[in-house]
Amino acid sequence: MARDTTVQFRMDASIKEDAFAVFREMGISPSEAVRVFFKQVQKTRSLPFKVTPDEEALAPGELEQGYQDWLRFRLAQTVKALDRGEMPSYPAEAARAVLQQRLAARRTRQPKPVL
């Protein structure tokens, strides 16, 4: 595959140095590491890892409580929208089928199916 473009970005120097040290330990260049990362994003249409908050910046229990509060709020919003008829509802089997189609489409870059 041709390498015909350059990507530049800025980051904290300590993160860069620590990451470069890991790449040296792995026996790969930083450029190769970035190419692998980009290739995974292209292939999976998602980040190749779970993004989580920096737990060191949070007070003990804050991560779980914040997530629980967010989840309860989103669930309450969804239930209210369903009750008001603002959201369509589907039988479980139909929803599973659409989910499977969307996942397959994401993997192969096909357009999302519409209910």
PDB file of N, CA and C in Angstrom:
ATOM      1  N   MET A   1       0.850  -1.175   0.000  1.00  0.00           N
ATOM      2  CA  MET A   1       0.000   0.000   0.000  1.00  0.00           C
ATOM      3  C   MET A   1       0.895   1.238   0.000  1.00  0.00           C
ATOM      4  N   ALA A   2       0.563   2.201  -0.825  1.00  0.00           N
ATOM      5  CA  ALA A   2       1.357   3.427  -0.936  1.00  0.00           C
ATOM      6  C   ALA A   2       1.259   4.264   0.332  1.00  0.00           C
ATOM      7  N   ARG A   3       2.367   4.824   0.707  1.00  0.00           N
ATOM      8  CA  ARG A   3       2.400   5.749   1.845  1.00  0.00           C
ATOM      9  C   ARG A   3       2.605   7.128   1.250  1.00  0.00           C
ATOM     10  N   ASP A   4       1.489   7.780   0.946  1.00  0.00           N
ATOM     11  CA  ASP A   4       1.551   9.018   0.173  1.00  0.00           C
ATOM     12  C   ASP A   4       1.006  10.244   0.894  1.00  0.00           C
ATOM     13  N   THR A   5       0.875  10.175   2.210  1.00  0.00           N
ATOM     14  CA  THR A   5       0.379  11.339   2.946  1.00  0.00           C
ATOM     15  C   THR A   5       1.059  11.415   4.308  1.00  0.00           C
ATOM     16  N   THR A   6       1.041  12.593   4.889  1.00  0.00           N
ATOM     17  CA  THR A   6       1.628  12.822   6.198  1.00  0.00           C
ATOM     18  C   THR A   6       0.531  13.303   7.145  1.00  0.00           C
ATOM     19  N   VAL A   7       0.595  12.825   8.400  1.00  0.00           N
ATOM     20  CA  VAL A   7      -0.352  13.241   9.432  1.00  0.00           C
ATOM     21  C   VAL A   7       0.459  13.881  10.551  1.00  0.00           C
ATOM     22  N   GLN A   8       0.049  15.067  10.976  1.00  0.00           N
ATOM     23  CA  GLN A   8       0.712  15.742  12.084  1.00  0.00           C
ATOM     24  C   GLN A   8      -0.309  16.081  13.159  1.00  0.00           C
ATOM     25  N   PHE A   9       0.099  15.975  14.413  1.00  0.00           N
ATOM     26  CA  PHE A   9      -0.754  16.408  15.511  1.00  0.00           C
ATOM     27  C   PHE A   9       0.118  16.737  16.706  1.00  0.00           C
ATOM     28  N   ARG A  10      -0.429  17.499  17.638  1.00  0.00           N
ATOM     29  CA  ARG A  10       0.304  17.917  18.827  1.00  0.00           C
ATOM     30  C   ARG A  10      -0.211  17.131  20.033  1.00  0.00           C
ATOM     31  N   MET A  11       0.695  16.853  20.972  1.00  0.00           N
ATOM     32  CA  MET A  11       0.315  16.145  22.185  1.00  0.00           C
ATOM     33  C   MET A  11       1.281  16.482  23.302  1.00  0.00           C
ATOM     34  N   ASP A  12       0.931  16.104  24.508  1.00  0.00           N
ATOM     35  CA  ASP A  12       1.770  16.304  25.673  1.00  0.00           C
ATOM     36  C   ASP A  12       3.080  15.524  25.500  1.00  0.00           C
ATOM     37  N   ALA A  13       4.202  16.166  25.775  1.00  0.00           N
ATOM     38  CA  ALA A  13       5.517  15.548  25.569  1.00  0.00           C
ATOM     39  C   ALA A  13       5.714  14.292  26.416  1.00  0.00           C
ATOM     40  N   SER A  14       5.209  14.293  27.649  1.00  0.00           N
ATOM     41  CA  SER A  14       5.419  13.119  28.502  1.00  0.00           C
ATOM     42  C   SER A  14       4.648  11.908  27.979  1.00  0.00           C
ATOM     43  N   ILE A  15       3.452  12.130  27.445  1.00  0.00           N
ATOM     44  CA  ILE A  15       2.692  11.020  26.858  1.00  0.00           C
ATOM     45  C   ILE A  15       3.448  10.468  25.654  1.00  0.00           C
ATOM     46  N   LYS A  16       3.950  11.371  24.814  1.00  0.00           N
ATOM     47  CA  LYS A  16       4.704  10.953  23.627  1.00  0.00           C
ATOM     48  C   LYS A  16       5.908  10.108  24.037  1.00  0.00           C
ATOM     49  N   GLU A  17       6.703  10.598  24.977  1.00  0.00           N
ATOM     50  CA  GLU A  17       7.919   9.877  25.376  1.00  0.00           C
ATOM     51  C   GLU A  17       7.601   8.510  25.969  1.00  0.00           C
ATOM     52  N   ASP A  18       6.575   8.457  26.816  1.00  0.00           N
ATOM     53  CA  ASP A  18       6.184   7.168  27.407  1.00  0.00           C
ATOM     54  C   ASP A  18       5.710   6.199  26.330  1.00  0.00           C
ATOM     55  N   ALA A  19       4.908   6.694  25.392  1.00  0.00           N
ATOM     56  CA  ALA A  19       4.405   5.843  24.313  1.00  0.00           C
ATOM     57  C   ALA A  19       5.555   5.373  23.419  1.00  0.00           C
ATOM     58  N   PHE A  20       6.480   6.270  23.078  1.00  0.00           N
ATOM     59  CA  PHE A  20       7.620   5.892  22.238  1.00  0.00           C
ATOM     60  C   PHE A  20       8.457   4.805  22.928  1.00  0.00           C
ATOM     61  N   ALA A  21       8.584   4.898  24.239  1.00  0.00           N
ATOM     62  CA  ALA A  21       9.325   3.875  24.985  1.00  0.00           C
ATOM     63  C   ALA A  21       8.634   2.518  24.854  1.00  0.00           C
ATOM     64  N   VAL A  22       7.316   2.523  24.935  1.00  0.00           N
ATOM     65  CA  VAL A  22       6.562   1.271  24.775  1.00  0.00           C
ATOM     66  C   VAL A  22       6.757   0.717  23.363  1.00  0.00           C
ATOM     67  N   PHE A  23       6.711   1.589  22.358  1.00  0.00           N
ATOM     68  CA  PHE A  23       6.915   1.140  20.980  1.00  0.00           C
ATOM     69  C   PHE A  23       8.300   0.516  20.808  1.00  0.00           C
ATOM     70  N   ARG A  24       9.328   1.142  21.419  1.00  0.00           N
ATOM     71  CA  ARG A  24      10.683   0.575  21.341  1.00  0.00           C
ATOM     72  C   ARG A  24      10.713  -0.815  21.964  1.00  0.00           C
ATOM     73  N   GLU A  25      10.043  -0.969  23.118  1.00  0.00           N
ATOM     74  CA  GLU A  25       9.981  -2.284  23.773  1.00  0.00           C
ATOM     75  C   GLU A  25       9.300  -3.316  22.878  1.00  0.00           C
ATOM     76  N   MET A  26       8.307  -2.866  22.119  1.00  0.00           N
ATOM     77  CA  MET A  26       7.564  -3.762  21.230  1.00  0.00           C
ATOM     78  C   MET A  26       8.306  -4.012  19.921  1.00  0.00           C
ATOM     79  N   GLY A  27       9.329  -3.209  19.658  1.00  0.00           N
ATOM     80  CA  GLY A  27      10.091  -3.373  18.428  1.00  0.00           C
ATOM     81  C   GLY A  27       9.412  -2.778  17.202  1.00  0.00           C
ATOM     82  N   ILE A  28       8.567  -1.771  17.408  1.00  0.00           N
ATOM     83  CA  ILE A  28       7.916  -1.111  16.277  1.00  0.00           C
ATOM     84  C   ILE A  28       8.157   0.388  16.349  1.00  0.00           C
ATOM     85  N   SER A  29       8.065   1.029  15.205  1.00  0.00           N
ATOM     86  CA  SER A  29       8.238   2.479  15.162  1.00  0.00           C
ATOM     87  C   SER A  29       6.926   3.164  15.543  1.00  0.00           C
ATOM     88  N   PRO A  30       7.006   4.416  15.980  1.00  0.00           N
ATOM     89  CA  PRO A  30       5.774   5.169  16.243  1.00  0.00           C
ATOM     90  C   PRO A  30       4.896   5.265  14.996  1.00  0.00           C
ATOM     91  N   SER A  31       5.509   5.432  13.838  1.00  0.00           N
ATOM     92  CA  SER A  31       4.732   5.506  12.597  1.00  0.00           C
ATOM     93  C   SER A  31       3.965   4.217  12.354  1.00  0.00           C
ATOM     94  N   GLU A  32       4.629   3.088  12.584  1.00  0.00           N
ATOM     95  CA  GLU A  32       3.949   1.802  12.382  1.00  0.00           C
ATOM     96  C   GLU A  32       2.808   1.639  13.382  1.00  0.00           C
ATOM     97  N   ALA A  33       3.018   2.065  14.617  1.00  0.00           N
ATOM     98  CA  ALA A  33       1.958   1.978  15.630  1.00  0.00           C
ATOM     99  C   ALA A  33       0.746   2.799  15.208  1.00  0.00           C
ATOM    100  N   VAL A  34       0.978   4.005  14.701  1.00  0.00           N
ATOM    101  CA  VAL A  34      -0.131   4.857  14.261  1.00  0.00           C
ATOM    102  C   VAL A  34      -0.814   4.240  13.045  1.00  0.00           C
ATOM    103  N   ARG A  35      -0.043   3.663  12.119  1.00  0.00           N
ATOM    104  CA  ARG A  35      -0.650   3.003  10.953  1.00  0.00           C
ATOM    105  C   ARG A  35      -1.541   1.841  11.386  1.00  0.00           C
ATOM    106  N   VAL A  36      -1.064   1.049  12.363  1.00  0.00           N
ATOM    107  CA  VAL A  36      -1.870  -0.071  12.863  1.00  0.00           C
ATOM    108  C   VAL A  36      -3.162   0.453  13.484  1.00  0.00           C
ATOM    109  N   PHE A  37      -3.052   1.509  14.300  1.00  0.00           N
ATOM    110  CA  PHE A  37      -4.231   2.100  14.921  1.00  0.00           C
ATOM    111  C   PHE A  37      -5.229   2.566  13.858  1.00  0.00           C
ATOM    112  N   PHE A  38      -4.757   3.355  12.880  1.00  0.00           N
ATOM    113  CA  PHE A  38      -5.633   3.861  11.824  1.00  0.00           C
ATOM    114  C   PHE A  38      -6.254   2.721  11.026  1.00  0.00           C
ATOM    115  N   LYS A  39      -5.484   1.675  10.750  1.00  0.00           N
ATOM    116  CA  LYS A  39      -6.006   0.535   9.989  1.00  0.00           C
ATOM    117  C   LYS A  39      -7.141  -0.149  10.751  1.00  0.00           C
ATOM    118  N   GLN A  40      -6.987  -0.284  12.075  1.00  0.00           N
ATOM    119  CA  GLN A  40      -8.047  -0.882  12.892  1.00  0.00           C
ATOM    120  C   GLN A  40      -9.298  -0.014  12.890  1.00  0.00           C
ATOM    121  N   VAL A  41      -9.126   1.298  12.982  1.00  0.00           N
ATOM    122  CA  VAL A  41     -10.275   2.204  12.930  1.00  0.00           C
ATOM    123  C   VAL A  41     -10.978   2.058  11.590  1.00  0.00           C
ATOM    124  N   GLN A  42     -10.198   2.028  10.509  1.00  0.00           N
ATOM    125  CA  GLN A  42     -10.774   1.869   9.168  1.00  0.00           C
ATOM    126  C   GLN A  42     -11.511   0.540   9.049  1.00  0.00           C
ATOM    127  N   LYS A  43     -10.895  -0.518   9.545  1.00  0.00           N
ATOM    128  CA  LYS A  43     -11.449  -1.874   9.406  1.00  0.00           C
ATOM    129  C   LYS A  43     -12.711  -2.079  10.238  1.00  0.00           C
ATOM    130  N   THR A  44     -12.703  -1.589  11.486  1.00  0.00           N
ATOM    131  CA  THR A  44     -13.820  -1.856  12.402  1.00  0.00           C
ATOM    132  C   THR A  44     -14.826  -0.718  12.474  1.00  0.00           C
ATOM    133  N   ARG A  45     -14.478   0.441  11.888  1.00  0.00           N
ATOM    134  CA  ARG A  45     -15.340   1.630  11.934  1.00  0.00           C
ATOM    135  C   ARG A  45     -15.601   2.063  13.375  1.00  0.00           C
ATOM    136  N   SER A  46     -14.623   1.807  14.259  1.00  0.00           N
ATOM    137  CA  SER A  46     -14.730   2.188  15.665  1.00  0.00           C
ATOM    138  C   SER A  46     -13.326   2.268  16.248  1.00  0.00           C
ATOM    139  N   LEU A  47     -13.228   2.766  17.474  1.00  0.00           N
ATOM    140  CA  LEU A  47     -11.935   2.759  18.148  1.00  0.00           C
ATOM    141  C   LEU A  47     -11.613   1.332  18.581  1.00  0.00           C
ATOM    142  N   PRO A  48     -10.354   0.924  18.495  1.00  0.00           N
ATOM    143  CA  PRO A  48     -10.016  -0.463  18.840  1.00  0.00           C
ATOM    144  C   PRO A  48      -9.836  -0.697  20.338  1.00  0.00           C
ATOM    145  N   PHE A  49     -10.427   0.150  21.145  1.00  0.00           N
ATOM    146  CA  PHE A  49     -10.361   0.004  22.588  1.00  0.00           C
ATOM    147  C   PHE A  49     -11.503   0.786  23.210  1.00  0.00           C
ATOM    148  N   LYS A  50     -11.796   0.488  24.456  1.00  0.00           N
ATOM    149  CA  LYS A  50     -12.859   1.180  25.174  1.00  0.00           C
ATOM    150  C   LYS A  50     -12.309   2.481  25.749  1.00  0.00           C
ATOM    151  N   VAL A  51     -13.000   3.585  25.510  1.00  0.00           N
ATOM    152  CA  VAL A  51     -12.585   4.878  26.043  1.00  0.00           C
ATOM    153  C   VAL A  51     -13.258   5.070  27.395  1.00  0.00           C
ATOM    154  N   THR A  52     -12.452   5.322  28.413  1.00  0.00           N
ATOM    155  CA  THR A  52     -12.975   5.512  29.764  1.00  0.00           C
ATOM    156  C   THR A  52     -12.392   6.791  30.352  1.00  0.00           C
ATOM    157  N   PRO A  53     -13.064   7.388  31.335  1.00  0.00           N
ATOM    158  CA  PRO A  53     -12.500   8.579  31.969  1.00  0.00           C
ATOM    159  C   PRO A  53     -11.233   8.231  32.731  1.00  0.00           C
ATOM    160  N   ASP A  54     -10.396   9.214  32.957  1.00  0.00           N
ATOM    161  CA  ASP A  54      -9.189   9.046  33.746  1.00  0.00           C
ATOM    162  C   ASP A  54      -9.610   8.867  35.195  1.00  0.00           C
ATOM    163  N   GLU A  55      -9.540   7.639  35.688  1.00  0.00           N
ATOM    164  CA  GLU A  55     -10.040   7.341  37.030  1.00  0.00           C
ATOM    165  C   GLU A  55      -9.248   8.059  38.120  1.00  0.00           C
ATOM    166  N   GLU A  56      -7.993   8.409  37.853  1.00  0.00           N
ATOM    167  CA  GLU A  56      -7.201   9.115  38.848  1.00  0.00           C
ATOM    168  C   GLU A  56      -7.757  10.511  39.103  1.00  0.00           C
ATOM    169  N   ALA A  57      -8.454  11.083  38.104  1.00  0.00           N
ATOM    170  CA  ALA A  57      -8.997  12.435  38.255  1.00  0.00           C
ATOM    171  C   ALA A  57     -10.349  12.432  38.958  1.00  0.00           C
ATOM    172  N   LEU A  58     -10.903  11.260  39.199  1.00  0.00           N
ATOM    173  CA  LEU A  58     -12.216  11.160  39.826  1.00  0.00           C
ATOM    174  C   LEU A  58     -12.089  10.754  41.287  1.00  0.00           C
ATOM    175  N   ALA A  59     -13.031  11.217  42.083  1.00  0.00           N
ATOM    176  CA  ALA A  59     -13.084  10.799  43.480  1.00  0.00           C
ATOM    177  C   ALA A  59     -13.552   9.347  43.532  1.00  0.00           C
ATOM    178  N   PRO A  60     -13.200   8.609  44.598  1.00  0.00           N
ATOM    179  CA  PRO A  60     -13.657   7.216  44.701  1.00  0.00           C
ATOM    180  C   PRO A  60     -15.176   7.116  44.585  1.00  0.00           C
ATOM    181  N   GLY A  61     -15.651   6.215  43.754  1.00  0.00           N
ATOM    182  CA  GLY A  61     -17.081   5.997  43.562  1.00  0.00           C
ATOM    183  C   GLY A  61     -17.733   6.946  42.576  1.00  0.00           C
ATOM    184  N   GLU A  62     -17.030   8.016  42.179  1.00  0.00           N
ATOM    185  CA  GLU A  62     -17.623   9.016  41.286  1.00  0.00           C
ATOM    186  C   GLU A  62     -17.918   8.443  39.911  1.00  0.00           C
ATOM    187  N   LEU A  63     -17.026   7.602  39.404  1.00  0.00           N
ATOM    188  CA  LEU A  63     -17.221   7.019  38.076  1.00  0.00           C
ATOM    189  C   LEU A  63     -18.513   6.207  38.036  1.00  0.00           C
ATOM    190  N   GLU A  64     -18.688   5.316  38.985  1.00  0.00           N
ATOM    191  CA  GLU A  64     -19.867   4.478  38.997  1.00  0.00           C
ATOM    192  C   GLU A  64     -21.140   5.296  39.205  1.00  0.00           C
ATOM    193  N   GLN A  65     -21.106   6.230  40.164  1.00  0.00           N
ATOM    194  CA  GLN A  65     -22.289   7.028  40.461  1.00  0.00           C
ATOM    195  C   GLN A  65     -22.654   7.913  39.270  1.00  0.00           C
ATOM    196  N   GLY A  66     -21.689   8.538  38.661  1.00  0.00           N
ATOM    197  CA  GLY A  66     -21.957   9.379  37.500  1.00  0.00           C
ATOM    198  C   GLY A  66     -22.570   8.580  36.365  1.00  0.00           C
ATOM    199  N   TYR A  67     -22.063   7.395  36.135  1.00  0.00           N
ATOM    200  CA  TYR A  67     -22.605   6.551  35.071  1.00  0.00           C
ATOM    201  C   TYR A  67     -24.019   6.110  35.425  1.00  0.00           C
ATOM    202  N   GLN A  68     -24.247   5.725  36.656  1.00  0.00           N
ATOM    203  CA  GLN A  68     -25.579   5.291  37.077  1.00  0.00           C
ATOM    204  C   GLN A  68     -26.585   6.426  36.925  1.00  0.00           C
ATOM    205  N   ASP A  69     -26.200   7.638  37.316  1.00  0.00           N
ATOM    206  CA  ASP A  69     -27.089   8.789  37.172  1.00  0.00           C
ATOM    207  C   ASP A  69     -27.400   9.041  35.698  1.00  0.00           C
ATOM    208  N   TRP A  70     -26.383   8.989  34.852  1.00  0.00           N
ATOM    209  CA  TRP A  70     -26.579   9.203  33.415  1.00  0.00           C
ATOM    210  C   TRP A  70     -27.508   8.132  32.835  1.00  0.00           C
ATOM    211  N   LEU A  71     -27.258   6.880  33.206  1.00  0.00           N
ATOM    212  CA  LEU A  71     -28.065   5.782  32.688  1.00  0.00           C
ATOM    213  C   LEU A  71     -29.526   5.909  33.117  1.00  0.00           C
ATOM    214  N   ARG A  72     -29.759   6.236  34.383  1.00  0.00           N
ATOM    215  CA  ARG A  72     -31.139   6.425  34.862  1.00  0.00           C
ATOM    216  C   ARG A  72     -31.830   7.568  34.112  1.00  0.00           C
ATOM    217  N   PHE A  73     -31.122   8.670  33.905  1.00  0.00           N
ATOM    218  CA  PHE A  73     -31.671   9.822  33.194  1.00  0.00           C
ATOM    219  C   PHE A  73     -32.043   9.440  31.763  1.00  0.00           C
ATOM    220  N   ARG A  74     -31.139   8.766  31.061  1.00  0.00           N
ATOM    221  CA  ARG A  74     -31.398   8.363  29.671  1.00  0.00           C
ATOM    222  C   ARG A  74     -32.570   7.376  29.594  1.00  0.00           C
ATOM    223  N   LEU A  75     -32.635   6.464  30.529  1.00  0.00           N
ATOM    224  CA  LEU A  75     -33.725   5.499  30.549  1.00  0.00           C
ATOM    225  C   LEU A  75     -35.057   6.204  30.790  1.00  0.00           C
ATOM    226  N   ALA A  76     -35.087   7.138  31.728  1.00  0.00           N
ATOM    227  CA  ALA A  76     -36.316   7.891  32.006  1.00  0.00           C
ATOM    228  C   ALA A  76     -36.744   8.689  30.777  1.00  0.00           C
ATOM    229  N   GLN A  77     -35.788   9.332  30.090  1.00  0.00           N
ATOM    230  CA  GLN A  77     -36.112  10.074  28.863  1.00  0.00           C
ATOM    231  C   GLN A  77     -36.713   9.156  27.809  1.00  0.00           C
ATOM    232  N   THR A  78     -36.140   7.994  27.640  1.00  0.00           N
ATOM    233  CA  THR A  78     -36.609   7.048  26.629  1.00  0.00           C
ATOM    234  C   THR A  78     -38.010   6.551  26.949  1.00  0.00           C
ATOM    235  N   VAL A  79     -38.248   6.206  28.209  1.00  0.00           N
ATOM    236  CA  VAL A  79     -39.575   5.722  28.611  1.00  0.00           C
ATOM    237  C   VAL A  79     -40.625   6.809  28.391  1.00  0.00           C
ATOM    238  N   LYS A  80     -40.316   8.057  28.754  1.00  0.00           N
ATOM    239  CA  LYS A  80     -41.262   9.158  28.542  1.00  0.00           C
ATOM    240  C   LYS A  80     -41.546   9.368  27.058  1.00  0.00           C
ATOM    241  N   ALA A  81     -40.517   9.312  26.234  1.00  0.00           N
ATOM    242  CA  ALA A  81     -40.703   9.475  24.787  1.00  0.00           C
ATOM    243  C   ALA A  81     -41.551   8.343  24.219  1.00  0.00           C
ATOM    244  N   LEU A  82     -41.343   7.128  24.699  1.00  0.00           N
ATOM    245  CA  LEU A  82     -42.173   6.004  24.256  1.00  0.00           C
ATOM    246  C   LEU A  82     -43.623   6.209  24.683  1.00  0.00           C
ATOM    247  N   ASP A  83     -43.819   6.629  25.931  1.00  0.00           N
ATOM    248  CA  ASP A  83     -45.173   6.862  26.439  1.00  0.00           C
ATOM    249  C   ASP A  83     -45.899   7.949  25.658  1.00  0.00           C
ATOM    250  N   ARG A  84     -45.174   8.969  25.219  1.00  0.00           N
ATOM    251  CA  ARG A  84     -45.785  10.060  24.451  1.00  0.00           C
ATOM    252  C   ARG A  84     -45.957   9.698  22.977  1.00  0.00           C
ATOM    253  N   GLY A  85     -45.487   8.535  22.578  1.00  0.00           N
ATOM    254  CA  GLY A  85     -45.593   8.123  21.180  1.00  0.00           C
ATOM    255  C   GLY A  85     -44.574   8.788  20.274  1.00  0.00           C
ATOM    256  N   GLU A  86     -43.532   9.363  20.848  1.00  0.00           N
ATOM    257  CA  GLU A  86     -42.512  10.055  20.064  1.00  0.00           C
ATOM    258  C   GLU A  86     -41.453   9.108  19.502  1.00  0.00           C
ATOM    259  N   MET A  87     -41.435   7.903  20.009  1.00  0.00           N
ATOM    260  CA  MET A  87     -40.466   6.912  19.528  1.00  0.00           C
ATOM    261  C   MET A  87     -41.230   5.672  19.093  1.00  0.00           C
ATOM    262  N   PRO A  88     -40.858   5.120  17.959  1.00  0.00           N
ATOM    263  CA  PRO A  88     -41.525   3.881  17.559  1.00  0.00           C
ATOM    264  C   PRO A  88     -41.055   2.731  18.443  1.00  0.00           C
ATOM    265  N   SER A  89     -41.909   1.761  18.625  1.00  0.00           N
ATOM    266  CA  SER A  89     -41.509   0.554  19.352  1.00  0.00           C
ATOM    267  C   SER A  89     -41.666  -0.629  18.410  1.00  0.00           C
ATOM    268  N   TYR A  90     -40.859  -1.646  18.639  1.00  0.00           N
ATOM    269  CA  TYR A  90     -40.834  -2.809  17.755  1.00  0.00           C
ATOM    270  C   TYR A  90     -40.805  -4.073  18.600  1.00  0.00           C
ATOM    271  N   PRO A  91     -41.305  -5.167  18.049  1.00  0.00           N
ATOM    272  CA  PRO A  91     -41.155  -6.439  18.761  1.00  0.00           C
ATOM    273  C   PRO A  91     -39.667  -6.759  18.933  1.00  0.00           C
ATOM    274  N   ALA A  92     -39.335  -7.482  19.977  1.00  0.00           N
ATOM    275  CA  ALA A  92     -37.935  -7.780  20.287  1.00  0.00           C
ATOM    276  C   ALA A  92     -37.219  -8.443  19.114  1.00  0.00           C
ATOM    277  N   GLU A  93     -37.881  -9.375  18.441  1.00  0.00           N
ATOM    278  CA  GLU A  93     -37.233 -10.075  17.324  1.00  0.00           C
ATOM    279  C   GLU A  93     -36.902  -9.123  16.183  1.00  0.00           C
ATOM    280  N   ALA A  94     -37.793  -8.182  15.899  1.00  0.00           N
ATOM    281  CA  ALA A  94     -37.538  -7.214  14.833  1.00  0.00           C
ATOM    282  C   ALA A  94     -36.371  -6.312  15.224  1.00  0.00           C
ATOM    283  N   ALA A  95     -36.323  -5.902  16.474  1.00  0.00           N
ATOM    284  CA  ALA A  95     -35.226  -5.049  16.942  1.00  0.00           C
ATOM    285  C   ALA A  95     -33.896  -5.796  16.861  1.00  0.00           C
ATOM    286  N   ARG A  96     -33.892  -7.068  17.253  1.00  0.00           N
ATOM    287  CA  ARG A  96     -32.665  -7.868  17.161  1.00  0.00           C
ATOM    288  C   ARG A  96     -32.207  -8.006  15.720  1.00  0.00           C
ATOM    289  N   ALA A  97     -33.148  -8.224  14.819  1.00  0.00           N
ATOM    290  CA  ALA A  97     -32.797  -8.369  13.401  1.00  0.00           C
ATOM    291  C   ALA A  97     -32.180  -7.084  12.858  1.00  0.00           C
ATOM    292  N   VAL A  98     -32.765  -5.944  13.201  1.00  0.00           N
ATOM    293  CA  VAL A  98     -32.216  -4.660  12.736  1.00  0.00           C
ATOM    294  C   VAL A  98     -30.829  -4.444  13.333  1.00  0.00           C
ATOM    295  N   LEU A  99     -30.661  -4.756  14.618  1.00  0.00           N
ATOM    296  CA  LEU A  99     -29.357  -4.616  15.258  1.00  0.00           C
ATOM    297  C   LEU A  99     -28.315  -5.467  14.547  1.00  0.00           C
ATOM    298  N   GLN A 100     -28.656  -6.711  14.253  1.00  0.00           N
ATOM    299  CA  GLN A 100     -27.718  -7.590  13.555  1.00  0.00           C
ATOM    300  C   GLN A 100     -27.379  -7.049  12.167  1.00  0.00           C
ATOM    301  N   GLN A 101     -28.377  -6.507  11.456  1.00  0.00           N
ATOM    302  CA  GLN A 101     -28.128  -5.919  10.140  1.00  0.00           C
ATOM    303  C   GLN A 101     -27.207  -4.711  10.254  1.00  0.00           C
ATOM    304  N   ARG A 102     -27.448  -3.867  11.256  1.00  0.00           N
ATOM    305  CA  ARG A 102     -26.605  -2.673  11.429  1.00  0.00           C
ATOM    306  C   ARG A 102     -25.177  -3.059  11.776  1.00  0.00           C
ATOM    307  N   LEU A 103     -25.004  -4.056  12.626  1.00  0.00           N
ATOM    308  CA  LEU A 103     -23.655  -4.507  12.957  1.00  0.00           C
ATOM    309  C   LEU A 103     -22.956  -5.072  11.728  1.00  0.00           C
ATOM    310  N   ALA A 104     -23.671  -5.865  10.945  1.00  0.00           N
ATOM    311  CA  ALA A 104     -23.084  -6.415   9.724  1.00  0.00           C
ATOM    312  C   ALA A 104     -22.745  -5.304   8.736  1.00  0.00           C
ATOM    313  N   ALA A 105     -23.614  -4.311   8.615  1.00  0.00           N
ATOM    314  CA  ALA A 105     -23.367  -3.185   7.712  1.00  0.00           C
ATOM    315  C   ALA A 105     -22.142  -2.403   8.162  1.00  0.00           C
ATOM    316  N   ARG A 106     -22.007  -2.204   9.461  1.00  0.00           N
ATOM    317  CA  ARG A 106     -20.847  -1.477   9.985  1.00  0.00           C
ATOM    318  C   ARG A 106     -19.567  -2.223   9.646  1.00  0.00           C
ATOM    319  N   ARG A 107     -19.615  -3.543   9.771  1.00  0.00           N
ATOM    320  CA  ARG A 107     -18.415  -4.333   9.485  1.00  0.00           C
ATOM    321  C   ARG A 107     -18.032  -4.299   8.017  1.00  0.00           C
ATOM    322  N   THR A 108     -19.014  -4.161   7.156  1.00  0.00           N
ATOM    323  CA  THR A 108     -18.733  -4.183   5.716  1.00  0.00           C
ATOM    324  C   THR A 108     -18.941  -2.829   5.055  1.00  0.00           C
ATOM    325  N   ARG A 109     -19.196  -1.793   5.847  1.00  0.00           N
ATOM    326  CA  ARG A 109     -19.385  -0.416   5.371  1.00  0.00           C
ATOM    327  C   ARG A 109     -20.582  -0.277   4.447  1.00  0.00           C
ATOM    328  N   GLN A 110     -21.618  -1.021   4.684  1.00  0.00           N
ATOM    329  CA  GLN A 110     -22.833  -0.870   3.896  1.00  0.00           C
ATOM    330  C   GLN A 110     -23.730   0.135   4.577  1.00  0.00           C
ATOM    331  N   PRO A 111     -24.654   0.759   3.824  1.00  0.00           N
ATOM    332  CA  PRO A 111     -25.593   1.693   4.446  1.00  0.00           C
ATOM    333  C   PRO A 111     -26.438   0.995   5.500  1.00  0.00           C
ATOM    334  N   LYS A 112     -26.856   1.750   6.530  1.00  0.00           N
ATOM    335  CA  LYS A 112     -27.679   1.191   7.591  1.00  0.00           C
ATOM    336  C   LYS A 112     -29.064   0.843   7.069  1.00  0.00           C
ATOM    337  N   PRO A 113     -29.611  -0.322   7.455  1.00  0.00           N
ATOM    338  CA  PRO A 113     -30.995  -0.647   7.065  1.00  0.00           C
ATOM    339  C   PRO A 113     -31.967   0.238   7.822  1.00  0.00           C
ATOM    340  N   VAL A 114     -33.101   0.470   7.219  1.00  0.00           N
ATOM    341  CA  VAL A 114     -34.136   1.325   7.812  1.00  0.00           C
ATOM    342  C   VAL A 114     -35.334   0.455   8.178  1.00  0.00           C
ATOM    343  N   LEU A 115     -35.901   0.689   9.341  1.00  0.00           N
ATOM    344  CA  LEU A 115     -37.101  -0.065   9.757  1.00  0.00           C
ATOM    345  C   LEU A 115     -38.307   0.428   9.014  1.00  0.00           C
TER     346      LEU A 115
END
